[in-house]
């Protein structure tokens, strides 16, 4: 799969997805630090990346502004440590990978919620 990992989600998550899971990854932290959320969602849509973020502004972009996307995974976590983000993503990918494209997904430590492409 192709993932665009938002800057706030961090380089450890991007590295894990790329090196441990073999996914194609664009890391905003490593490759486009400081990029605007509008530019990130536009790039992700144009280049068919699934965005991984813990920035709630992407929900606003998708649902209130009607921005097109190829998938957004919003990590809404109590524990923001990289190891916890990776564990939540590991479970999400193992159980729901085929349901991620073109969906807005909210993942917590104990819950996964899917919305259709807005």
C-alpha atoms as a PDB file:
ATOM      1  CA  UNK A   1       0.000   0.000   0.000  1.00  0.00           C
ATOM      2  CA  UNK A   2       0.963   3.657  -0.391  1.00  0.00           C
ATOM      3  CA  UNK A   3       0.956   5.789   2.752  1.00  0.00           C
ATOM      4  CA  UNK A   4       1.636   9.472   3.267  1.00  0.00           C
ATOM      5  CA  UNK A   5       2.637   9.848   6.913  1.00  0.00           C
ATOM      6  CA  UNK A   6       1.888  13.312   8.263  1.00  0.00           C
ATOM      7  CA  UNK A   7       4.633  15.239  10.017  1.00  0.00           C
ATOM      8  CA  UNK A   8       2.923  15.060  13.430  1.00  0.00           C
ATOM      9  CA  UNK A   9       2.658  11.286  13.166  1.00  0.00           C
ATOM     10  CA  UNK A  10       6.424  11.103  12.933  1.00  0.00           C
ATOM     11  CA  UNK A  11       9.353   9.475  11.221  1.00  0.00           C
ATOM     12  CA  UNK A  12       9.329   6.303  13.351  1.00  0.00           C
ATOM     13  CA  UNK A  13       5.912   5.345  11.966  1.00  0.00           C
ATOM     14  CA  UNK A  14       7.049   6.043   8.394  1.00  0.00           C
ATOM     15  CA  UNK A  15      10.215   4.008   8.898  1.00  0.00           C
ATOM     16  CA  UNK A  16       8.263   1.076  10.389  1.00  0.00           C
ATOM     17  CA  UNK A  17       5.777   1.038   7.505  1.00  0.00           C
ATOM     18  CA  UNK A  18       8.589   1.143   4.950  1.00  0.00           C
ATOM     19  CA  UNK A  19      11.231  -1.101   6.527  1.00  0.00           C
ATOM     20  CA  UNK A  20       9.207  -3.565   8.583  1.00  0.00           C
ATOM     21  CA  UNK A  21       6.034  -3.812   6.494  1.00  0.00           C
ATOM     22  CA  UNK A  22       7.353  -3.096   2.977  1.00  0.00           C
ATOM     23  CA  UNK A  23       4.890  -0.333   2.105  1.00  0.00           C
ATOM     24  CA  UNK A  24       5.611   2.617  -0.143  1.00  0.00           C
ATOM     25  CA  UNK A  25       5.801   5.665   2.134  1.00  0.00           C
ATOM     26  CA  UNK A  26       6.048   9.423   1.763  1.00  0.00           C
ATOM     27  CA  UNK A  27       7.094  10.943   5.107  1.00  0.00           C
ATOM     28  CA  UNK A  28       6.151  14.609   5.466  1.00  0.00           C
ATOM     29  CA  UNK A  29       8.585  14.849   8.401  1.00  0.00           C
ATOM     30  CA  UNK A  30      11.494  13.633   6.288  1.00  0.00           C
ATOM     31  CA  UNK A  31      10.582  14.923   2.823  1.00  0.00           C
ATOM     32  CA  UNK A  32       8.354  18.001   3.149  1.00  0.00           C
ATOM     33  CA  UNK A  33       8.581  19.331   6.696  1.00  0.00           C
ATOM     34  CA  UNK A  34       6.287  22.265   7.380  1.00  0.00           C
ATOM     35  CA  UNK A  35       3.912  21.458   4.511  1.00  0.00           C
ATOM     36  CA  UNK A  36       0.430  22.918   4.796  1.00  0.00           C
ATOM     37  CA  UNK A  37      -2.485  20.514   5.434  1.00  0.00           C
ATOM     38  CA  UNK A  38      -4.165  21.649   2.198  1.00  0.00           C
ATOM     39  CA  UNK A  39      -1.019  20.796   0.233  1.00  0.00           C
ATOM     40  CA  UNK A  40      -0.737  17.428   1.990  1.00  0.00           C
ATOM     41  CA  UNK A  41      -4.296  16.321   1.243  1.00  0.00           C
ATOM     42  CA  UNK A  42      -3.999  17.551  -2.370  1.00  0.00           C
ATOM     43  CA  UNK A  43      -0.729  15.644  -2.876  1.00  0.00           C
ATOM     44  CA  UNK A  44      -2.165  12.513  -1.286  1.00  0.00           C
ATOM     45  CA  UNK A  45      -5.219  12.626  -3.551  1.00  0.00           C
ATOM     46  CA  UNK A  46      -3.280  13.393  -6.736  1.00  0.00           C
ATOM     47  CA  UNK A  47      -0.669  10.713  -6.090  1.00  0.00           C
ATOM     48  CA  UNK A  48      -3.052   8.144  -4.514  1.00  0.00           C
ATOM     49  CA  UNK A  49      -1.562   8.018  -1.017  1.00  0.00           C
ATOM     50  CA  UNK A  50      -3.537   7.045   2.096  1.00  0.00           C
ATOM     51  CA  UNK A  51      -2.862   9.746   4.702  1.00  0.00           C
ATOM     52  CA  UNK A  52      -1.912   8.681   8.228  1.00  0.00           C
ATOM     53  CA  UNK A  53      -2.246  11.498  10.736  1.00  0.00           C
ATOM     54  CA  UNK A  54      -3.068  12.356  14.303  1.00  0.00           C
ATOM     55  CA  UNK A  55      -4.103  15.889  13.255  1.00  0.00           C
ATOM     56  CA  UNK A  56      -7.880  16.308  13.657  1.00  0.00           C
ATOM     57  CA  UNK A  57      -7.824  19.085  11.035  1.00  0.00           C
ATOM     58  CA  UNK A  58      -7.983  16.381   8.346  1.00  0.00           C
ATOM     59  CA  UNK A  59     -11.494  15.480   9.516  1.00  0.00           C
ATOM     60  CA  UNK A  60     -12.431  19.109   8.984  1.00  0.00           C
ATOM     61  CA  UNK A  61     -10.837  19.066   5.518  1.00  0.00           C
ATOM     62  CA  UNK A  62     -12.758  15.943   4.471  1.00  0.00           C
ATOM     63  CA  UNK A  63     -16.154  16.387   6.108  1.00  0.00           C
ATOM     64  CA  UNK A  64     -16.675  20.146   6.307  1.00  0.00           C
ATOM     65  CA  UNK A  65     -14.669  21.325   3.309  1.00  0.00           C
ATOM     66  CA  UNK A  66     -15.475  18.294   1.151  1.00  0.00           C
ATOM     67  CA  UNK A  67     -11.841  17.673   0.167  1.00  0.00           C
ATOM     68  CA  UNK A  68     -11.285  14.578  -1.983  1.00  0.00           C
ATOM     69  CA  UNK A  69      -8.968  11.889  -0.662  1.00  0.00           C
ATOM     70  CA  UNK A  70      -7.808   8.344  -1.342  1.00  0.00           C
ATOM     71  CA  UNK A  71      -8.062   7.416   2.329  1.00  0.00           C
ATOM     72  CA  UNK A  72      -7.299   8.991   5.687  1.00  0.00           C
ATOM     73  CA  UNK A  73      -6.337   7.135   8.854  1.00  0.00           C
ATOM     74  CA  UNK A  74      -6.828   9.420  11.848  1.00  0.00           C
ATOM     75  CA  UNK A  75      -5.028   8.141  14.938  1.00  0.00           C
ATOM     76  CA  UNK A  76      -6.997   9.420  17.919  1.00  0.00           C
ATOM     77  CA  UNK A  77      -4.808   8.137  20.708  1.00  0.00           C
ATOM     78  CA  UNK A  78      -4.434   8.787  24.415  1.00  0.00           C
ATOM     79  CA  UNK A  79      -0.797   7.672  24.215  1.00  0.00           C
ATOM     80  CA  UNK A  80       1.005   9.547  21.423  1.00  0.00           C
ATOM     81  CA  UNK A  81       4.291   7.626  21.688  1.00  0.00           C
ATOM     82  CA  UNK A  82       5.583   6.172  18.437  1.00  0.00           C
ATOM     83  CA  UNK A  83       5.445   2.629  19.816  1.00  0.00           C
ATOM     84  CA  UNK A  84       1.721   3.001  20.522  1.00  0.00           C
ATOM     85  CA  UNK A  85       1.023   4.511  17.087  1.00  0.00           C
ATOM     86  CA  UNK A  86       2.841   1.579  15.495  1.00  0.00           C
ATOM     87  CA  UNK A  87       0.931  -0.979  17.577  1.00  0.00           C
ATOM     88  CA  UNK A  88      -2.439   0.563  16.661  1.00  0.00           C
ATOM     89  CA  UNK A  89      -1.439   0.630  12.978  1.00  0.00           C
ATOM     90  CA  UNK A  90      -0.169  -2.950  13.131  1.00  0.00           C
ATOM     91  CA  UNK A  91      -3.565  -4.157  14.389  1.00  0.00           C
ATOM     92  CA  UNK A  92      -5.402  -1.960  11.875  1.00  0.00           C
ATOM     93  CA  UNK A  93      -3.400  -3.303   8.938  1.00  0.00           C
ATOM     94  CA  UNK A  94      -3.681  -6.923  10.059  1.00  0.00           C
ATOM     95  CA  UNK A  95      -7.452  -6.769  10.468  1.00  0.00           C
ATOM     96  CA  UNK A  96      -8.673  -4.090   8.049  1.00  0.00           C
ATOM     97  CA  UNK A  97      -6.095  -3.399   5.301  1.00  0.00           C
ATOM     98  CA  UNK A  98      -8.489  -4.068   2.421  1.00  0.00           C
ATOM     99  CA  UNK A  99     -11.013  -1.568   3.850  1.00  0.00           C
ATOM    100  CA  UNK A 100      -8.619   1.414   4.072  1.00  0.00           C
ATOM    101  CA  UNK A 101      -8.598   2.866   0.524  1.00  0.00           C
ATOM    102  CA  UNK A 102     -11.079   5.699  -0.042  1.00  0.00           C
ATOM    103  CA  UNK A 103     -12.311   5.630   3.556  1.00  0.00           C
ATOM    104  CA  UNK A 104     -11.887   7.971   6.506  1.00  0.00           C
ATOM    105  CA  UNK A 105     -10.819   5.743   9.377  1.00  0.00           C
ATOM    106  CA  UNK A 106     -10.609   6.703  13.028  1.00  0.00           C
ATOM    107  CA  UNK A 107      -8.412   4.355  15.046  1.00  0.00           C
ATOM    108  CA  UNK A 108      -8.017   4.430  18.807  1.00  0.00           C
ATOM    109  CA  UNK A 109      -6.316   1.979  21.115  1.00  0.00           C
ATOM    110  CA  UNK A 110      -9.551  -0.020  21.326  1.00  0.00           C
ATOM    111  CA  UNK A 111     -11.801   1.021  18.413  1.00  0.00           C
ATOM    112  CA  UNK A 112     -11.793   1.350  14.631  1.00  0.00           C
ATOM    113  CA  UNK A 113     -14.515   3.394  12.915  1.00  0.00           C
ATOM    114  CA  UNK A 114     -14.963   3.668   9.128  1.00  0.00           C
ATOM    115  CA  UNK A 115     -16.693   6.376   7.111  1.00  0.00           C
ATOM    116  CA  UNK A 116     -17.264   6.373   3.369  1.00  0.00           C
ATOM    117  CA  UNK A 117     -15.334   8.768   1.140  1.00  0.00           C
ATOM    118  CA  UNK A 118     -16.918  12.158   1.788  1.00  0.00           C
END
